[in-house]
């Protein structure tokens, strides 16, 4: 079904069209939100908000709306706002559960180092890196989602990767540690 027909169905309140859209876009949107929020529960809540917002705004959609880009943008904006809220209430980044084996310690620390390095990226680089590298979204679509030129996407990706290499260099022994 083409986006024009989907938009028209949504505007008319066709729940079958909405459910089909939900089925089609839910999996990858949830991955995007999980990568951004790093929480299954938060990603699920955010996903529900994205689709609720779609239903509430369905009458405002234009026939030429690209629904995938619209959903990406709403999800990204909601995720950003949720991250701001989380960061205001941020607690301890390390889990408090007991670590039982050396391998588990190294794996957790690796994950922690990488997560912290990605979080340390400037917001514009982190968004491009998350979408382009972690989510494997093509640069052209990343550009559309973030409303920036493709060249800017490439530049931000280059700088993000270069910065990650620098940030992770001091953890080289741990990152390359083998059991």
Foldseek 3Di string as FASTA:
>chain_A
DDLLVLLVCLLVVNVVSLVVVCVVQVPLLLVLLCLLQVDNVRSVVLSVVLSVVCSVCSNVDDSPDDVNLSSLLSSVVSSVVVVVVCVVVPDDPDDPDDDDDPVSVLVSVLVVLLVVLLVPQPPVLSQLCSCCPVSVHDLVSSCSSVVHDSVVSVVSPVVSVVSSCVSCVVVVCSNPDDD
